[in-house]
Amino acid sequence: LKERLFTLSGGTLTNTLSAVATLSANETRWQAMGGANSALGAPTGTEVAVAGGTRTPYAGGDLWWSSSTGSHWLSGSPLKAYLAAGGPGSELGFPKSDQITISDGSYADFQVGRITCPTSGSCEVTYG
């Protein structure tokens, strides 16, 4: 993406063409969450294309994006269970919510299911 800047100074019009950085949906979301000061922390890798969307890894979890779900955060046990189930290429599809912390663990909703992880014990993957 290029930006054209016109500057008028002393009756002279100057035309400047410069590059403008475009942020991905995950980068925009990360910045909105507080960037490196957020729960996600600093990026640990680059954004990669996955099964119809993108994944961006951070110190505190991953952001997953698809055009139909937007950008959502997973970390810890829900992230591990999602990857073990096959990630976005599985029947679950992409996350459609950030993971939610509840009194006895956490869960995240997906295009076709939910992952529920108790504070102690194994995560449960349900489809439908």
Protein backbone atom coordinates (compact mmCIF):
# COMPACT_ATOMS: atom_id res chain seq x y z
CA LEU A 1 0.00 0.00 0.00
CA LYS A 2 1.34 3.42 -0.92
CA GLU A 3 0.36 6.81 0.42
CA ARG A 4 0.56 9.99 -1.63
CA LEU A 5 1.23 13.11 0.43
CA PHE A 6 0.81 16.59 -0.98
CA THR A 7 2.45 19.45 0.92
CA LEU A 8 1.87 23.13 0.16
CA SER A 9 4.69 25.35 1.32
CA GLY A 10 5.31 28.90 0.14
CA GLY A 11 3.19 28.42 -2.98
CA THR A 12 5.01 25.21 -3.98
CA LEU A 13 3.10 21.90 -4.03
CA THR A 14 5.30 18.90 -3.24
CA ASN A 15 4.13 15.40 -4.17
CA THR A 16 5.63 12.59 -2.08
CA LEU A 17 4.90 8.87 -2.46
CA SER A 18 5.68 6.70 0.58
CA ALA A 19 4.97 3.18 1.76
CA VAL A 20 2.33 2.70 4.44
CA ALA A 21 2.35 -0.39 6.65
CA THR A 22 -0.88 -2.37 6.70
CA LEU A 23 -1.61 -4.39 9.83
CA SER A 24 -3.26 -7.79 9.68
CA ALA A 25 -6.41 -8.49 11.69
CA ASN A 26 -4.33 -10.36 14.28
CA GLU A 27 -1.82 -7.51 14.60
CA THR A 28 -4.66 -5.01 14.97
CA ARG A 29 -6.29 -7.18 17.65
CA TRP A 30 -2.99 -7.64 19.48
CA GLN A 31 -2.43 -3.89 19.56
CA ALA A 32 -6.00 -3.31 20.79
CA MET A 33 -5.35 -5.81 23.62
CA GLY A 34 -2.32 -3.80 24.74
CA GLY A 35 0.45 -5.16 22.51
CA ALA A 36 3.48 -6.55 24.32
CA ASN A 37 1.96 -5.39 27.64
CA SER A 38 -1.15 -7.55 27.12
CA ALA A 39 -1.71 -11.10 28.36
CA LEU A 40 -0.46 -12.27 24.95
CA GLY A 41 2.94 -10.64 25.44
CA ALA A 42 5.41 -10.32 22.58
CA PRO A 43 5.17 -12.21 19.27
CA THR A 44 7.23 -15.40 19.19
CA GLY A 45 6.95 -15.96 15.45
CA THR A 46 5.38 -14.62 12.30
CA GLU A 47 1.80 -14.88 11.17
CA VAL A 48 1.20 -17.97 9.04
CA ALA A 49 -1.65 -19.04 6.76
CA VAL A 50 -3.63 -22.01 8.08
CA ALA A 51 -6.73 -23.80 6.68
CA GLY A 52 -8.54 -20.70 5.41
CA GLY A 53 -7.22 -18.17 7.92
CA THR A 54 -4.15 -17.17 9.91
CA ARG A 55 -2.38 -17.97 13.17
CA THR A 56 0.00 -15.65 14.99
CA PRO A 57 1.99 -17.04 17.97
CA TYR A 58 2.72 -14.92 21.06
CA ALA A 59 4.44 -15.64 24.37
CA GLY A 60 1.04 -15.92 26.10
CA GLY A 61 -0.94 -17.80 23.43
CA ASP A 62 -2.04 -17.55 19.82
CA LEU A 63 -4.39 -15.34 17.84
CA TRP A 64 -6.45 -17.19 15.21
CA TRP A 65 -8.31 -15.37 12.43
CA SER A 66 -10.73 -16.27 9.65
CA SER A 67 -12.98 -13.99 7.64
CA SER A 68 -16.10 -15.57 9.14
CA THR A 69 -14.99 -15.57 12.80
CA GLY A 70 -12.61 -12.64 13.23
CA SER A 71 -9.53 -12.75 15.47
CA HIS A 72 -9.67 -14.75 18.73
CA TRP A 73 -7.18 -15.62 21.47
CA LEU A 74 -6.40 -19.08 22.84
CA SER A 75 -3.74 -20.07 25.37
CA GLY A 76 -2.76 -22.79 27.81
CA SER A 77 -4.90 -25.93 27.99
CA PRO A 78 -7.59 -24.80 25.50
CA LEU A 79 -4.87 -24.04 22.93
CA LYS A 80 -3.16 -27.40 23.51
CA ALA A 81 -6.50 -29.24 23.18
CA TYR A 82 -7.33 -27.31 19.99
CA LEU A 83 -4.01 -28.21 18.41
CA ALA A 84 -4.39 -31.86 19.51
CA ALA A 85 -7.86 -31.94 17.90
CA GLY A 86 -6.36 -30.74 14.59
CA GLY A 87 -6.70 -26.96 14.85
CA PRO A 88 -8.68 -25.08 12.20
CA GLY A 89 -8.40 -27.98 9.76
CA SER A 90 -10.43 -30.15 12.15
CA GLU A 91 -14.20 -30.38 12.47
CA LEU A 92 -14.02 -27.61 15.11
CA GLY A 93 -12.99 -24.98 12.56
CA PHE A 94 -11.79 -21.61 13.88
CA PRO A 95 -12.44 -20.13 17.33
CA LYS A 96 -15.50 -17.87 17.37
CA SER A 97 -14.77 -16.56 20.86
CA ASP A 98 -11.75 -15.82 22.98
CA GLN A 99 -11.27 -18.39 25.71
CA ILE A 100 -13.40 -17.59 28.75
CA THR A 101 -12.17 -18.16 32.30
CA ILE A 102 -14.80 -19.62 34.64
CA SER A 103 -14.65 -20.60 38.31
CA ASP A 104 -13.49 -24.16 37.62
CA GLY A 105 -11.43 -23.71 34.43
CA SER A 106 -11.92 -22.22 30.98
CA TYR A 107 -13.63 -22.82 27.66
CA ALA A 108 -13.68 -21.53 24.07
CA ASP A 109 -16.36 -21.77 21.41
CA PHE A 110 -15.57 -22.77 17.84
CA GLN A 111 -17.43 -22.80 14.54
CA VAL A 112 -18.56 -26.36 15.24
CA GLY A 113 -18.10 -27.07 18.93
CA ARG A 114 -16.54 -26.14 22.24
CA ILE A 115 -13.43 -27.00 24.22
CA THR A 116 -13.92 -27.01 27.99
CA CYS A 117 -10.90 -27.35 30.27
CA PRO A 118 -11.34 -27.83 34.02
CA THR A 119 -8.74 -26.41 36.40
CA SER A 120 -7.56 -29.99 36.99
CA GLY A 121 -8.07 -32.86 34.62
CA SER A 122 -8.37 -33.26 30.87
CA CYS A 123 -10.06 -30.91 28.42
CA GLU A 124 -13.28 -32.04 26.77
CA VAL A 125 -13.93 -31.40 23.09
CA THR A 126 -17.58 -31.38 22.04
CA TYR A 127 -18.82 -31.01 18.46
CA GLY A 128 -22.06 -29.54 17.25
